[in-house]
C-alpha atoms as a PDB file:
ATOM      1  CA  MET A   1       0.000   0.000   0.000  1.00  0.00           C
ATOM      2  CA  TYR A   2       1.295   3.464  -0.967  1.00  0.00           C
ATOM      3  CA  LEU A   3       2.733   5.611   1.824  1.00  0.00           C
ATOM      4  CA  PRO A   4       2.576   9.413   1.319  1.00  0.00           C
ATOM      5  CA  ASN A   5       5.940  11.190   1.161  1.00  0.00           C
ATOM      6  CA  TRP A   6       5.262  13.396   4.171  1.00  0.00           C
ATOM      7  CA  MET A   7       4.365  10.359   6.262  1.00  0.00           C
ATOM      8  CA  HIS A   8       7.430   8.511   5.043  1.00  0.00           C
ATOM      9  CA  LYS A   9       9.677  11.425   6.089  1.00  0.00           C
ATOM     10  CA  LEU A  10       7.956  11.833   9.454  1.00  0.00           C
ATOM     11  CA  ALA A  11       8.291   8.102  10.054  1.00  0.00           C
ATOM     12  CA  SER A  12      12.078   8.405  10.020  1.00  0.00           C
ATOM     13  CA  PRO A  13      13.140   7.904  13.678  1.00  0.00           C
ATOM     14  CA  PRO A  14      15.985  10.497  13.581  1.00  0.00           C
ATOM     15  CA  HIS A  15      13.707  13.074  11.925  1.00  0.00           C
ATOM     16  CA  PHE A  16      10.885  12.487  14.374  1.00  0.00           C
ATOM     17  CA  PHE A  17      13.287  12.531  17.318  1.00  0.00           C
ATOM     18  CA  ARG A  18      14.547  16.001  16.379  1.00  0.00           C
ATOM     19  CA  ILE A  19      11.078  17.423  15.709  1.00  0.00           C
ATOM     20  CA  SER A  20       9.552  16.051  18.909  1.00  0.00           C
ATOM     21  CA  GLY A  21      12.440  17.336  21.023  1.00  0.00           C
ATOM     22  CA  TRP A  22      11.857  20.836  19.665  1.00  0.00           C
ATOM     23  CA  LEU A  23       8.046  20.722  19.823  1.00  0.00           C
ATOM     24  CA  ALA A  24       7.430  19.158  23.252  1.00  0.00           C
ATOM     25  CA  PRO A  25       8.289  22.254  25.376  1.00  0.00           C
ATOM     26  CA  TRP A  26       6.054  24.423  23.183  1.00  0.00           C
ATOM     27  CA  LEU A  27       3.173  22.138  24.119  1.00  0.00           C
ATOM     28  CA  LEU A  28       3.955  21.530  27.789  1.00  0.00           C
ATOM     29  CA  TRP A  29       4.419  25.122  28.940  1.00  0.00           C
ATOM     30  CA  PRO A  30       1.110  26.398  27.487  1.00  0.00           C
ATOM     31  CA  ALA A  31      -0.509  23.257  28.904  1.00  0.00           C
ATOM     32  CA  VAL A  32       0.697  24.094  32.418  1.00  0.00           C
ATOM     33  CA  ALA A  33      -0.556  27.678  32.086  1.00  0.00           C
ATOM     34  CA  LEU A  34      -3.973  26.601  30.785  1.00  0.00           C
ATOM     35  CA  ILE A  35      -4.377  23.939  33.471  1.00  0.00           C
ATOM     36  CA  ALA A  36      -3.485  26.430  36.217  1.00  0.00           C
ATOM     37  CA  LEU A  37      -5.932  28.984  34.804  1.00  0.00           C
ATOM     38  CA  GLY A  38      -8.672  26.406  34.360  1.00  0.00           C
ATOM     39  CA  PHE A  39      -8.343  25.036  37.873  1.00  0.00           C
ATOM     40  CA  TYR A  40      -8.358  28.508  39.427  1.00  0.00           C
ATOM     41  CA  ALA A  41     -11.401  29.544  37.424  1.00  0.00           C
ATOM     42  CA  GLY A  42     -13.218  26.282  38.032  1.00  0.00           C
ATOM     43  CA  LEU A  43     -12.438  25.846  41.717  1.00  0.00           C
ATOM     44  CA  VAL A  44     -12.531  29.505  42.789  1.00  0.00           C
ATOM     45  CA  LEU A  45     -14.380  31.704  40.291  1.00  0.00           C
ATOM     46  CA  ALA A  46     -17.138  29.412  39.000  1.00  0.00           C
ATOM     47  CA  PRO A  47     -20.383  29.526  40.996  1.00  0.00           C
ATOM     48  CA  ALA A  48     -21.670  26.488  42.856  1.00  0.00           C
ATOM     49  CA  ASP A  49     -24.222  24.312  41.082  1.00  0.00           C
ATOM     50  CA  TYR A  50     -27.792  24.871  42.243  1.00  0.00           C
ATOM     51  CA  GLN A  51     -28.326  21.124  42.777  1.00  0.00           C
ATOM     52  CA  GLN A  52     -24.869  19.606  43.386  1.00  0.00           C
ATOM     53  CA  GLY A  53     -23.306  22.526  45.224  1.00  0.00           C
ATOM     54  CA  ASP A  54     -19.522  22.508  45.141  1.00  0.00           C
ATOM     55  CA  GLY A  55     -19.540  18.772  44.439  1.00  0.00           C
ATOM     56  CA  PHE A  56     -19.901  19.487  40.725  1.00  0.00           C
ATOM     57  CA  ARG A  57     -16.335  20.858  40.619  1.00  0.00           C
ATOM     58  CA  ILE A  58     -14.903  17.368  40.244  1.00  0.00           C
ATOM     59  CA  ILE A  59     -15.928  17.622  36.579  1.00  0.00           C
ATOM     60  CA  TYR A  60     -12.865  19.806  36.056  1.00  0.00           C
ATOM     61  CA  VAL A  61     -10.732  16.694  36.465  1.00  0.00           C
ATOM     62  CA  HIS A  62     -13.221  13.997  35.494  1.00  0.00           C
ATOM     63  CA  VAL A  63     -14.395  15.336  32.135  1.00  0.00           C
ATOM     64  CA  PRO A  64     -10.936  16.092  30.642  1.00  0.00           C
ATOM     65  CA  SER A  65      -9.693  12.710  31.885  1.00  0.00           C
ATOM     66  CA  ALA A  66     -12.651  10.834  30.411  1.00  0.00           C
ATOM     67  CA  TYR A  67     -12.324  12.738  27.140  1.00  0.00           C
ATOM     68  CA  LEU A  68      -8.631  11.927  26.858  1.00  0.00           C
ATOM     69  CA  SER A  69      -9.161   8.290  27.793  1.00  0.00           C
ATOM     70  CA  THR A  70     -11.069   7.747  24.549  1.00  0.00           C
ATOM     71  CA  LEU A  71      -9.043  10.191  22.440  1.00  0.00           C
ATOM     72  CA  ILE A  72      -5.778   8.501  23.381  1.00  0.00           C
ATOM     73  CA  TYR A  73      -7.170   5.048  22.689  1.00  0.00           C
ATOM     74  CA  GLY A  74      -8.276   6.167  19.246  1.00  0.00           C
ATOM     75  CA  LEU A  75      -4.794   7.555  18.585  1.00  0.00           C
ATOM     76  CA  MET A  76      -3.159   4.382  19.903  1.00  0.00           C
ATOM     77  CA  ALA A  77      -5.357   2.197  17.717  1.00  0.00           C
ATOM     78  CA  ALA A  78      -4.727   4.390  14.659  1.00  0.00           C
ATOM     79  CA  ALA A  79      -0.961   4.203  15.225  1.00  0.00           C
ATOM     80  CA  ALA A  80      -1.201   0.433  15.671  1.00  0.00           C
ATOM     81  CA  ALA A  81      -3.178   0.164  12.428  1.00  0.00           C
ATOM     82  CA  VAL A  82      -0.509   2.160  10.582  1.00  0.00           C
ATOM     83  CA  GLY A  83       2.108  -0.179  12.007  1.00  0.00           C
ATOM     84  CA  LEU A  84       0.168  -3.255  10.939  1.00  0.00           C
ATOM     85  CA  ILE A  85      -0.504  -1.985   7.416  1.00  0.00           C
ATOM     86  CA  TRP A  86       2.791  -0.278   6.567  1.00  0.00           C
ATOM     87  CA  ARG A  87       5.139  -2.073   9.009  1.00  0.00           C
ATOM     88  CA  MET A  88       6.150   1.334  10.368  1.00  0.00           C
ATOM     89  CA  LYS A  89       8.321   0.989  13.468  1.00  0.00           C
ATOM     90  CA  LEU A  90       7.649   4.563  14.602  1.00  0.00           C
ATOM     91  CA  ALA A  91       3.895   3.929  14.580  1.00  0.00           C
ATOM     92  CA  TYR A  92       4.364   1.005  16.954  1.00  0.00           C
ATOM     93  CA  ALA A  93       6.504   3.268  19.148  1.00  0.00           C
ATOM     94  CA  VAL A  94       3.709   5.860  19.262  1.00  0.00           C
ATOM     95  CA  ALA A  95       1.154   3.214  20.236  1.00  0.00           C
ATOM     96  CA  ALA A  96       3.441   1.827  22.946  1.00  0.00           C
ATOM     97  CA  ALA A  97       4.135   5.307  24.333  1.00  0.00           C
ATOM     98  CA  ALA A  98       0.468   6.330  24.346  1.00  0.00           C
ATOM     99  CA  ALA A  99      -0.877   3.268  26.148  1.00  0.00           C
ATOM    100  CA  PRO A 100       0.345   4.024  29.720  1.00  0.00           C
ATOM    101  CA  ILE A 101      -0.805   7.643  29.469  1.00  0.00           C
ATOM    102  CA  GLY A 102      -4.230   6.553  28.284  1.00  0.00           C
ATOM    103  CA  ALA A 103      -4.458   3.965  31.047  1.00  0.00           C
ATOM    104  CA  TRP A 104      -3.723   6.584  33.701  1.00  0.00           C
ATOM    105  CA  PHE A 105      -6.314   9.012  32.328  1.00  0.00           C
ATOM    106  CA  THR A 106      -8.880   6.199  32.192  1.00  0.00           C
ATOM    107  CA  PHE A 107      -8.071   5.249  35.784  1.00  0.00           C
ATOM    108  CA  LEU A 108      -8.372   8.894  36.833  1.00  0.00           C
ATOM    109  CA  ALA A 109     -11.742   9.178  35.095  1.00  0.00           C
ATOM    110  CA  LEU A 110     -13.024   6.089  36.911  1.00  0.00           C
ATOM    111  CA  VAL A 111     -11.736   7.216  40.312  1.00  0.00           C
ATOM    112  CA  THR A 112     -13.087  10.765  40.051  1.00  0.00           C
ATOM    113  CA  GLY A 113     -16.378   9.385  38.773  1.00  0.00           C
ATOM    114  CA  ALA A 114     -16.575   7.089  41.805  1.00  0.00           C
ATOM    115  CA  ILE A 115     -15.799   9.970  44.169  1.00  0.00           C
ATOM    116  CA  TRP A 116     -18.549  12.036  42.573  1.00  0.00           C
ATOM    117  CA  GLY A 117     -20.955   9.093  42.479  1.00  0.00           C
ATOM    118  CA  LYS A 118     -20.931   8.414  46.228  1.00  0.00           C
ATOM    119  CA  PRO A 119     -22.668  11.652  47.315  1.00  0.00           C
ATOM    120  CA  MET A 120     -24.747  11.975  44.130  1.00  0.00           C
ATOM    121  CA  TRP A 121     -25.832   8.366  43.553  1.00  0.00           C
ATOM    122  CA  GLY A 122     -25.239   6.952  47.018  1.00  0.00           C
ATOM    123  CA  THR A 123     -22.635   4.481  45.768  1.00  0.00           C
ATOM    124  CA  PHE A 124     -19.071   4.526  44.460  1.00  0.00           C
ATOM    125  CA  TRP A 125     -19.887   2.103  41.660  1.00  0.00           C
ATOM    126  CA  GLU A 126     -22.865   1.082  39.595  1.00  0.00           C
ATOM    127  CA  TRP A 127     -22.857  -1.307  36.643  1.00  0.00           C
ATOM    128  CA  ASP A 128     -24.040   1.499  34.429  1.00  0.00           C
ATOM    129  CA  PRO A 129     -23.356   1.169  30.657  1.00  0.00           C
ATOM    130  CA  ARG A 130     -21.050   4.218  30.589  1.00  0.00           C
ATOM    131  CA  LEU A 131     -19.101   3.138  33.678  1.00  0.00           C
ATOM    132  CA  THR A 132     -18.849  -0.468  32.551  1.00  0.00           C
ATOM    133  CA  SER A 133     -17.619   0.404  29.055  1.00  0.00           C
ATOM    134  CA  GLU A 134     -15.071   2.829  30.550  1.00  0.00           C
ATOM    135  CA  LEU A 135     -13.821   0.024  32.808  1.00  0.00           C
ATOM    136  CA  ILE A 136     -13.511  -2.222  29.735  1.00  0.00           C
ATOM    137  CA  LEU A 137     -11.419   0.550  28.165  1.00  0.00           C
ATOM    138  CA  LEU A 138      -9.007   0.367  31.095  1.00  0.00           C
ATOM    139  CA  PHE A 139      -8.746  -3.411  30.639  1.00  0.00           C
ATOM    140  CA  LEU A 140      -8.025  -2.881  26.939  1.00  0.00           C
ATOM    141  CA  TYR A 141      -5.159  -0.540  27.792  1.00  0.00           C
ATOM    142  CA  LEU A 142      -3.760  -2.999  30.336  1.00  0.00           C
ATOM    143  CA  GLY A 143      -4.220  -5.876  27.905  1.00  0.00           C
ATOM    144  CA  PHE A 144      -2.385  -3.956  25.187  1.00  0.00           C
ATOM    145  CA  MET A 145       0.585  -3.256  27.458  1.00  0.00           C
ATOM    146  CA  SER A 146       0.722  -6.797  28.809  1.00  0.00           C
ATOM    147  CA  LEU A 147       0.393  -8.433  25.404  1.00  0.00           C
ATOM    148  CA  ARG A 148       3.060  -6.222  23.859  1.00  0.00           C
ATOM    149  CA  THR A 149       5.643  -7.247  26.447  1.00  0.00           C
ATOM    150  CA  SER A 150       4.707 -10.930  26.612  1.00  0.00           C
ATOM    151  CA  PHE A 151       6.649 -11.887  23.466  1.00  0.00           C
ATOM    152  CA  GLU A 152      10.377 -12.362  23.384  1.00  0.00           C
ATOM    153  CA  GLU A 153      10.472 -10.886  19.891  1.00  0.00           C
ATOM    154  CA  PRO A 154       9.322  -7.228  20.098  1.00  0.00           C
ATOM    155  CA  THR A 155       7.945  -7.263  16.547  1.00  0.00           C
ATOM    156  CA  LYS A 156       5.509 -10.050  17.383  1.00  0.00           C
ATOM    157  CA  GLY A 157       4.450  -8.222  20.534  1.00  0.00           C
ATOM    158  CA  ASP A 158       3.797  -5.039  18.574  1.00  0.00           C
ATOM    159  CA  ARG A 159       1.652  -6.880  16.048  1.00  0.00           C
ATOM    160  CA  ALA A 160      -0.367  -8.838  18.595  1.00  0.00           C
ATOM    161  CA  ALA A 161      -0.996  -5.787  20.766  1.00  0.00           C
ATOM    162  CA  GLY A 162      -1.754  -3.690  17.698  1.00  0.00           C
ATOM    163  CA  LEU A 163      -4.413  -6.140  16.583  1.00  0.00           C
ATOM    164  CA  LEU A 164      -6.007  -6.004  20.031  1.00  0.00           C
ATOM    165  CA  ALA A 165      -5.990  -2.195  19.918  1.00  0.00           C
ATOM    166  CA  VAL A 166      -7.689  -2.119  16.527  1.00  0.00           C
ATOM    167  CA  VAL A 167     -10.358  -4.614  17.570  1.00  0.00           C
ATOM    168  CA  GLY A 168     -10.949  -2.700  20.809  1.00  0.00           C
ATOM    169  CA  VAL A 169     -11.987   0.421  18.880  1.00  0.00           C
ATOM    170  CA  VAL A 170     -15.506  -1.022  18.837  1.00  0.00           C
ATOM    171  CA  ASN A 171     -15.740   0.002  22.503  1.00  0.00           C
ATOM    172  CA  LEU A 172     -15.316   3.722  21.774  1.00  0.00           C
ATOM    173  CA  PRO A 173     -18.767   4.370  20.241  1.00  0.00           C
ATOM    174  CA  ILE A 174     -20.272   2.285  23.024  1.00  0.00           C
ATOM    175  CA  ILE A 175     -18.701   4.599  25.596  1.00  0.00           C
ATOM    176  CA  HIS A 176     -19.828   7.696  23.716  1.00  0.00           C
ATOM    177  CA  TYR A 177     -23.419   6.686  22.978  1.00  0.00           C
ATOM    178  CA  SER A 178     -24.116   4.476  26.005  1.00  0.00           C
ATOM    179  CA  VAL A 179     -26.062   7.234  27.794  1.00  0.00           C
ATOM    180  CA  ILE A 180     -28.291   7.526  24.705  1.00  0.00           C
ATOM    181  CA  TRP A 181     -28.656   3.890  23.689  1.00  0.00           C
ATOM    182  CA  TRP A 182     -29.494   2.493  27.134  1.00  0.00           C
ATOM    183  CA  SER A 183     -31.180   3.576  30.328  1.00  0.00           C
ATOM    184  CA  SER A 184     -28.294   5.143  32.215  1.00  0.00           C
ATOM    185  CA  ILE A 185     -27.873   6.936  35.516  1.00  0.00           C
ATOM    186  CA  HIS A 186     -24.813   8.668  34.105  1.00  0.00           C
ATOM    187  CA  GLN A 187     -25.262  12.316  33.234  1.00  0.00           C
ATOM    188  CA  GLY A 188     -25.920  12.954  29.541  1.00  0.00           C
ATOM    189  CA  PRO A 189     -24.179  15.432  27.216  1.00  0.00           C
ATOM    190  CA  THR A 190     -23.606  18.928  28.585  1.00  0.00           C
ATOM    191  CA  ILE A 191     -21.194  21.187  26.695  1.00  0.00           C
ATOM    192  CA  LYS A 192     -21.670  19.179  23.474  1.00  0.00           C
ATOM    193  CA  LYS A 193     -25.231  20.455  23.204  1.00  0.00           C
ATOM    194  CA  LEU A 194     -24.206  23.740  21.613  1.00  0.00           C
ATOM    195  CA  ASP A 195     -27.752  24.895  20.982  1.00  0.00           C
ATOM    196  CA  ALA A 196     -28.822  24.426  24.611  1.00  0.00           C
ATOM    197  CA  PRO A 197     -25.887  23.449  26.841  1.00  0.00           C
ATOM    198  CA  SER A 198     -26.656  22.050  30.288  1.00  0.00           C
ATOM    199  CA  ILE A 199     -23.951  24.174  31.898  1.00  0.00           C
ATOM    200  CA  THR A 200     -23.611  27.937  32.245  1.00  0.00           C
ATOM    201  CA  TRP A 201     -20.766  29.782  30.551  1.00  0.00           C
ATOM    202  CA  GLU A 202     -19.223  30.653  33.935  1.00  0.00           C
ATOM    203  CA  MET A 203     -18.827  26.918  34.547  1.00  0.00           C
ATOM    204  CA  ALA A 204     -18.165  25.943  30.938  1.00  0.00           C
ATOM    205  CA  TRP A 205     -15.188  28.115  29.992  1.00  0.00           C
ATOM    206  CA  PRO A 206     -12.929  26.783  32.778  1.00  0.00           C
ATOM    207  CA  LEU A 207     -13.869  23.258  31.688  1.00  0.00           C
ATOM    208  CA  LEU A 208     -13.062  23.987  28.040  1.00  0.00           C
ATOM    209  CA  THR A 209      -9.768  25.575  29.141  1.00  0.00           C
ATOM    210  CA  LEU A 210      -8.872  22.450  31.114  1.00  0.00           C
ATOM    211  CA  ILE A 211      -9.776  20.141  28.248  1.00  0.00           C
ATOM    212  CA  LEU A 212      -7.417  22.094  25.997  1.00  0.00           C
ATOM    213  CA  GLY A 213      -4.731  22.209  28.691  1.00  0.00           C
ATOM    214  CA  PHE A 214      -4.970  18.480  29.392  1.00  0.00           C
ATOM    215  CA  THR A 215      -4.834  17.741  25.654  1.00  0.00           C
ATOM    216  CA  LEU A 216      -1.701  19.842  25.146  1.00  0.00           C
ATOM    217  CA  PHE A 217      -0.152  18.220  28.216  1.00  0.00           C
ATOM    218  CA  PHE A 218      -0.853  14.791  26.763  1.00  0.00           C
ATOM    219  CA  ALA A 219       0.622  15.787  23.399  1.00  0.00           C
ATOM    220  CA  GLY A 220       3.827  17.102  24.971  1.00  0.00           C
ATOM    221  CA  LEU A 221       4.151  14.107  27.261  1.00  0.00           C
ATOM    222  CA  LEU A 222       3.515  11.731  24.377  1.00  0.00           C
ATOM    223  CA  LEU A 223       6.299  13.284  22.320  1.00  0.00           C
ATOM    224  CA  GLN A 224       8.735  12.851  25.185  1.00  0.00           C
ATOM    225  CA  ARG A 225       7.676   9.246  25.733  1.00  0.00           C
ATOM    226  CA  VAL A 226       7.943   8.468  22.023  1.00  0.00           C
ATOM    227  CA  GLN A 227      11.465   9.906  22.068  1.00  0.00           C
ATOM    228  CA  ALA A 228      12.388   7.511  24.866  1.00  0.00           C
ATOM    229  CA  GLU A 229      10.675   4.621  23.079  1.00  0.00           C
ATOM    230  CA  VAL A 230      12.528   5.390  19.844  1.00  0.00           C
ATOM    231  CA  LEU A 231      15.877   5.515  21.648  1.00  0.00           C
ATOM    232  CA  GLU A 232      15.150   2.132  23.213  1.00  0.00           C
ATOM    233  CA  ARG A 233      14.128   0.551  19.928  1.00  0.00           C
ATOM    234  CA  GLU A 234      16.941   2.144  17.902  1.00  0.00           C
ATOM    235  CA  ARG A 235      19.646   1.880  20.577  1.00  0.00           C
ATOM    236  CA  ASN A 236      22.005   0.054  18.216  1.00  0.00           C
ATOM    237  CA  ALA A 237      21.514   2.472  15.340  1.00  0.00           C
ATOM    238  CA  ARG A 238      24.364   4.755  14.328  1.00  0.00           C
ATOM    239  CA  TRP A 239      22.361   7.970  14.728  1.00  0.00           C
ATOM    240  CA  VAL A 240      21.547   7.093  18.362  1.00  0.00           C
ATOM    241  CA  THR A 241      25.210   6.449  19.065  1.00  0.00           C
ATOM    242  CA  GLU A 242      26.086   9.841  17.606  1.00  0.00           C
ATOM    243  CA  ILE A 243      23.467  11.572  19.741  1.00  0.00           C
ATOM    244  CA  MET A 244      24.571   9.845  22.929  1.00  0.00           C
ATOM    245  CA  ARG A 245      28.334  10.223  22.314  1.00  0.00           C
ATOM    246  CA  PRO A 246      28.644  13.873  23.592  1.00  0.00           C
ATOM    247  CA  GLY A 247      26.981  12.905  26.872  1.00  0.00           C
ATOM    248  CA  ILE A 248      29.121   9.814  27.267  1.00  0.00           C
ATOM    249  CA  GLU A 249      32.326  11.697  26.501  1.00  0.00           C
ATOM    250  CA  GLY A 250      31.327  14.555  28.792  1.00  0.00           C
ATOM    251  CA  GLY A 251      30.618  12.104  31.637  1.00  0.00           C
END
């Protein structure tokens, strides 16, 4: 299958390593600023909810985490698919680097949801369609990481885990539409209803700021993790030796 020239150039490990090293700080510093602003606005400036009181403020961690849990899985699965189709080593590196980040955001979404659920629902956990499918997402992340490292030959591990990631994509629309398809106690769409959002602007703009900040933070962190993954996979390559030589000689 034909691979576009721009993708072929970007797939070069040395080229990607240089670009990601330059780009990561430009993502991380704005991310920190946006997250700080969003938390201050959400936890201090935003008014209390007329029904949930201050308990609603957990959405400022829960919603960005839940959003990223599915976004990262989609990216991981797309990278795995590229690796399976074009045998691109960098794509496998991206998938491997994204998986732990996605697992942590999924775990954070589940934990913050449980904390919110206790006072609002009277229980930390309910086998609700949205909660259950989000838990399955966490198992998919863990399964991907475990399967990838269970083979002695890394290439086989990448392919097996990549296939699992691609198959697991079927869970993403279930997570998204579960509150619509089935009777669910989970809250329905809020800021996505642009014509009549279920949240006031004073509460919404800090949330949107945090979603952007969390996304930029993920992007910067992913680039750094892919750099480390590339160095590990290409450790015997000449270009890695040339990069590491100044540090070795200086030490």
